[in-house]
C-alpha atoms as a PDB file:
ATOM      1  CA  MET A   1      -2.722 -17.212   6.457  1.00  0.00           C
ATOM      2  CA  ARG A   2      -4.171 -14.914   9.102  1.00  0.00           C
ATOM      3  CA  LYS A   3      -7.867 -14.991   9.843  1.00  0.00           C
ATOM      4  CA  LEU A   4     -10.129 -11.968  10.063  1.00  0.00           C
ATOM      5  CA  VAL A   5     -12.456 -12.240  13.056  1.00  0.00           C
ATOM      6  CA  GLU A   6     -15.500  -9.971  13.362  1.00  0.00           C
ATOM      7  CA  THR A   7     -16.453  -9.409  17.005  1.00  0.00           C
ATOM      8  CA  THR A   8     -19.541  -7.550  18.133  1.00  0.00           C
ATOM      9  CA  LEU A   9     -21.707  -7.081  21.199  1.00  0.00           C
ATOM     10  CA  MET A  10     -25.416  -7.774  20.906  1.00  0.00           C
ATOM     11  CA  SER A  11     -28.352  -7.360  23.291  1.00  0.00           C
ATOM     12  CA  LEU A  12     -30.914 -10.125  23.800  1.00  0.00           C
ATOM     13  CA  ASP A  13     -33.265  -8.299  21.430  1.00  0.00           C
ATOM     14  CA  GLY A  14     -30.671  -8.126  18.640  1.00  0.00           C
ATOM     15  CA  VAL A  15     -29.340  -4.569  19.022  1.00  0.00           C
ATOM     16  CA  VAL A  16     -25.701  -4.227  17.918  1.00  0.00           C
ATOM     17  CA  GLY A  17     -25.333  -0.483  17.364  1.00  0.00           C
ATOM     18  CA  SER A  18     -23.608   1.808  19.891  1.00  0.00           C
ATOM     19  CA  PRO A  19     -23.001  -0.844  22.593  1.00  0.00           C
ATOM     20  CA  TRP A  20     -21.112   1.634  24.799  1.00  0.00           C
ATOM     21  CA  GLU A  21     -24.478   3.327  25.345  1.00  0.00           C
ATOM     22  CA  TRP A  22     -26.272   0.252  26.686  1.00  0.00           C
ATOM     23  CA  THR A  23     -23.739  -2.270  28.055  1.00  0.00           C
ATOM     24  CA  GLY A  24     -23.240  -0.207  31.229  1.00  0.00           C
ATOM     25  CA  SER A  25     -22.795  -2.311  34.344  1.00  0.00           C
ATOM     26  CA  TYR A  26     -22.832  -5.537  32.329  1.00  0.00           C
ATOM     27  CA  TRP A  27     -19.334  -4.751  31.096  1.00  0.00           C
ATOM     28  CA  ASP A  28     -17.733  -5.755  34.389  1.00  0.00           C
ATOM     29  CA  ALA A  29     -14.321  -7.024  35.524  1.00  0.00           C
ATOM     30  CA  GLU A  30     -15.107 -10.561  34.361  1.00  0.00           C
ATOM     31  CA  ASN A  31     -15.978  -9.361  30.836  1.00  0.00           C
ATOM     32  CA  ARG A  32     -12.908  -7.096  30.738  1.00  0.00           C
ATOM     33  CA  GLY A  33     -10.658  -9.980  31.798  1.00  0.00           C
ATOM     34  CA  HIS A  34     -12.113 -12.279  29.144  1.00  0.00           C
ATOM     35  CA  ALA A  35     -11.790  -9.576  26.465  1.00  0.00           C
ATOM     36  CA  LEU A  36      -8.177  -8.871  27.482  1.00  0.00           C
ATOM     37  CA  ALA A  37      -7.267 -12.562  27.302  1.00  0.00           C
ATOM     38  CA  ALA A  38      -8.995 -12.847  23.909  1.00  0.00           C
ATOM     39  CA  LEU A  39      -6.708 -10.124  22.512  1.00  0.00           C
ATOM     40  CA  ASP A  40      -3.752 -12.524  22.771  1.00  0.00           C
ATOM     41  CA  ARG A  41      -4.958 -14.135  19.546  1.00  0.00           C
ATOM     42  CA  TYR A  42      -4.590 -10.910  17.533  1.00  0.00           C
ATOM     43  CA  ASP A  43      -1.857  -8.488  16.598  1.00  0.00           C
ATOM     44  CA  ALA A  44      -3.831  -5.873  14.635  1.00  0.00           C
ATOM     45  CA  PHE A  45      -7.300  -4.348  14.303  1.00  0.00           C
ATOM     46  CA  LEU A  46      -9.405  -3.569  11.261  1.00  0.00           C
ATOM     47  CA  PHE A  47     -11.968  -0.780  11.586  1.00  0.00           C
ATOM     48  CA  GLY A  48     -14.469   0.906   9.357  1.00  0.00           C
ATOM     49  CA  ARG A  49     -14.444   4.705   9.558  1.00  0.00           C
ATOM     50  CA  VAL A  50     -17.344   5.166  11.985  1.00  0.00           C
ATOM     51  CA  THR A  51     -16.091   2.659  14.555  1.00  0.00           C
ATOM     52  CA  TYR A  52     -12.541   3.939  14.206  1.00  0.00           C
ATOM     53  CA  GLU A  53     -13.541   7.567  14.778  1.00  0.00           C
ATOM     54  CA  THR A  54     -15.722   6.675  17.764  1.00  0.00           C
ATOM     55  CA  PHE A  55     -13.131   4.491  19.465  1.00  0.00           C
ATOM     56  CA  ALA A  56     -10.142   6.713  18.673  1.00  0.00           C
ATOM     57  CA  ALA A  57     -11.912   9.696  20.212  1.00  0.00           C
ATOM     58  CA  SER A  58     -12.593   7.928  23.496  1.00  0.00           C
ATOM     59  CA  TRP A  59     -10.204   4.995  23.907  1.00  0.00           C
ATOM     60  CA  SER A  60      -6.961   6.576  22.719  1.00  0.00           C
ATOM     61  CA  GLN A  61      -6.800   8.840  25.775  1.00  0.00           C
ATOM     62  CA  VAL A  62      -7.381   6.141  28.415  1.00  0.00           C
ATOM     63  CA  ARG A  63      -4.469   5.205  30.676  1.00  0.00           C
ATOM     64  CA  GLY A  64      -4.329   2.694  33.516  1.00  0.00           C
ATOM     65  CA  ASP A  65      -6.687   0.160  31.925  1.00  0.00           C
ATOM     66  CA  ALA A  66      -4.914  -3.020  30.765  1.00  0.00           C
ATOM     67  CA  TYR A  67      -7.530  -3.828  28.117  1.00  0.00           C
ATOM     68  CA  LEU A  68      -7.554  -0.389  26.501  1.00  0.00           C
ATOM     69  CA  GLU A  69      -3.789   0.034  26.808  1.00  0.00           C
ATOM     70  CA  ARG A  70      -3.345  -3.216  24.850  1.00  0.00           C
ATOM     71  CA  ILE A  71      -5.734  -1.963  22.176  1.00  0.00           C
ATOM     72  CA  ASN A  72      -4.038   1.435  22.081  1.00  0.00           C
ATOM     73  CA  ALA A  73      -0.669  -0.243  21.463  1.00  0.00           C
ATOM     74  CA  MET A  74      -1.868  -2.532  18.664  1.00  0.00           C
ATOM     75  CA  PRO A  75      -1.584  -1.493  15.012  1.00  0.00           C
ATOM     76  CA  LYS A  76      -4.878  -0.566  13.409  1.00  0.00           C
ATOM     77  CA  TYR A  77      -6.047  -0.487   9.801  1.00  0.00           C
ATOM     78  CA  VAL A  78      -8.913   1.772   8.783  1.00  0.00           C
ATOM     79  CA  ALA A  79     -11.038   1.204   5.695  1.00  0.00           C
ATOM     80  CA  SER A  80     -12.453   4.506   4.509  1.00  0.00           C
ATOM     81  CA  THR A  81     -13.024   6.415   1.320  1.00  0.00           C
ATOM     82  CA  THR A  82     -13.517   9.723   3.136  1.00  0.00           C
ATOM     83  CA  LEU A  83     -10.767   9.929   5.770  1.00  0.00           C
ATOM     84  CA  ARG A  84      -7.560  11.603   4.689  1.00  0.00           C
ATOM     85  CA  GLU A  85      -5.432  10.902   7.768  1.00  0.00           C
ATOM     86  CA  THR A  86      -5.438   8.753  10.886  1.00  0.00           C
ATOM     87  CA  THR A  87      -4.014   8.859  14.394  1.00  0.00           C
ATOM     88  CA  TRP A  88      -4.097   6.268  17.194  1.00  0.00           C
ATOM     89  CA  ASN A  89      -1.441   4.002  15.692  1.00  0.00           C
ATOM     90  CA  ALA A  90      -3.595   3.507  12.591  1.00  0.00           C
ATOM     91  CA  THR A  91      -2.916   3.110   8.888  1.00  0.00           C
ATOM     92  CA  LEU A  92      -5.459   4.266   6.349  1.00  0.00           C
ATOM     93  CA  LEU A  93      -6.256   1.625   3.727  1.00  0.00           C
ATOM     94  CA  THR A  94      -6.534   3.195   0.296  1.00  0.00           C
ATOM     95  CA  GLY A  95      -7.416   1.715  -3.037  1.00  0.00           C
ATOM     96  CA  ASP A  96      -9.353  -1.509  -3.486  1.00  0.00           C
ATOM     97  CA  ILE A  97     -10.396  -2.530   0.038  1.00  0.00           C
ATOM     98  CA  VAL A  98     -10.884  -6.168  -0.962  1.00  0.00           C
ATOM     99  CA  GLU A  99      -7.304  -6.420  -2.209  1.00  0.00           C
ATOM    100  CA  GLU A 100      -6.010  -4.481   0.823  1.00  0.00           C
ATOM    101  CA  ILE A 101      -7.665  -6.942   3.218  1.00  0.00           C
ATOM    102  CA  ARG A 102      -6.429  -9.933   1.232  1.00  0.00           C
ATOM    103  CA  ARG A 103      -2.918  -8.494   1.438  1.00  0.00           C
ATOM    104  CA  LEU A 104      -3.215  -8.045   5.215  1.00  0.00           C
ATOM    105  CA  LYS A 105      -4.491 -11.578   5.652  1.00  0.00           C
ATOM    106  CA  HIS A 106      -1.499 -12.968   3.741  1.00  0.00           C
ATOM    107  CA  GLN A 107       1.044 -11.136   5.881  1.00  0.00           C
ATOM    108  CA  PRO A 108       2.733 -13.114   8.649  1.00  0.00           C
ATOM    109  CA  GLY A 109       1.441 -12.646  12.165  1.00  0.00           C
ATOM    110  CA  LYS A 110      -1.457 -13.374  14.427  1.00  0.00           C
ATOM    111  CA  ASP A 111      -5.073 -13.053  13.348  1.00  0.00           C
ATOM    112  CA  LEU A 112      -6.797  -9.715  12.661  1.00  0.00           C
ATOM    113  CA  ILE A 113      -9.775  -8.556  14.700  1.00  0.00           C
ATOM    114  CA  LYS A 114     -12.572  -6.218  13.694  1.00  0.00           C
ATOM    115  CA  TYR A 115     -14.854  -4.544  16.225  1.00  0.00           C
ATOM    116  CA  GLY A 116     -18.164  -3.105  15.172  1.00  0.00           C
ATOM    117  CA  THR A 117     -20.683  -4.254  12.629  1.00  0.00           C
ATOM    118  CA  GLY A 118     -21.483  -1.844   9.823  1.00  0.00           C
ATOM    119  CA  LYS A 119     -21.300  -0.969   6.165  1.00  0.00           C
ATOM    120  CA  LEU A 120     -17.800  -2.434   5.650  1.00  0.00           C
ATOM    121  CA  ASP A 121     -19.047  -5.872   6.664  1.00  0.00           C
ATOM    122  CA  ARG A 122     -21.233  -6.174   3.577  1.00  0.00           C
ATOM    123  CA  THR A 123     -18.143  -5.947   1.369  1.00  0.00           C
ATOM    124  CA  LEU A 124     -16.121  -8.255   3.599  1.00  0.00           C
ATOM    125  CA  LEU A 125     -18.870 -10.889   3.606  1.00  0.00           C
ATOM    126  CA  GLN A 126     -19.513 -10.632  -0.156  1.00  0.00           C
ATOM    127  CA  HIS A 127     -15.857 -11.416  -0.791  1.00  0.00           C
ATOM    128  CA  HIS A 128     -15.585 -14.129   1.876  1.00  0.00           C
ATOM    129  CA  LEU A 129     -12.979 -12.172   3.833  1.00  0.00           C
ATOM    130  CA  ILE A 130     -14.451 -12.724   7.308  1.00  0.00           C
ATOM    131  CA  ASP A 131     -13.328 -16.084   8.638  1.00  0.00           C
ATOM    132  CA  GLU A 132     -15.153 -16.056  11.943  1.00  0.00           C
ATOM    133  CA  ILE A 133     -17.935 -14.044  13.566  1.00  0.00           C
ATOM    134  CA  GLN A 134     -18.055 -13.762  17.348  1.00  0.00           C
ATOM    135  CA  VAL A 135     -21.184 -12.362  18.952  1.00  0.00           C
ATOM    136  CA  TRP A 136     -21.050 -11.538  22.643  1.00  0.00           C
ATOM    137  CA  ILE A 137     -24.632 -11.524  23.863  1.00  0.00           C
ATOM    138  CA  MET A 138     -25.230  -9.085  26.698  1.00  0.00           C
ATOM    139  CA  PRO A 139     -28.031 -10.098  29.110  1.00  0.00           C
ATOM    140  CA  LEU A 140     -30.306  -7.102  28.580  1.00  0.00           C
ATOM    141  CA  ILE A 141     -33.049  -5.821  26.329  1.00  0.00           C
ATOM    142  CA  VAL A 142     -32.395  -2.450  24.730  1.00  0.00           C
END
């Protein structure tokens, strides 16, 4: 069975929201290389609506960046009760999100990764659907 891995960036003072606004120069070539290598473990993403909309708006247009090109090529699943359509190689999950995630986890393939910590995580944690949580601590205070 595939695992679902929650990955998030966090500052030294515990801030996890909007990391693209505060990671700045700390997201350097070494971090990008590590993040790119880490993607080898996964073959699909899970997003909540807010993270999906934010990343799709900015990352989907990037070319010439190995990390973002890998993400752009990967299938994505979006959990939302308000979206009606998706782009960016994404499939909208409809119906019971718990059952949808269980179904995804039972499909063959590599593990699933989820970026961003938000409202969806409460449901995922309540139903024991997150198998691993990775926190990348950035050396700054927001």
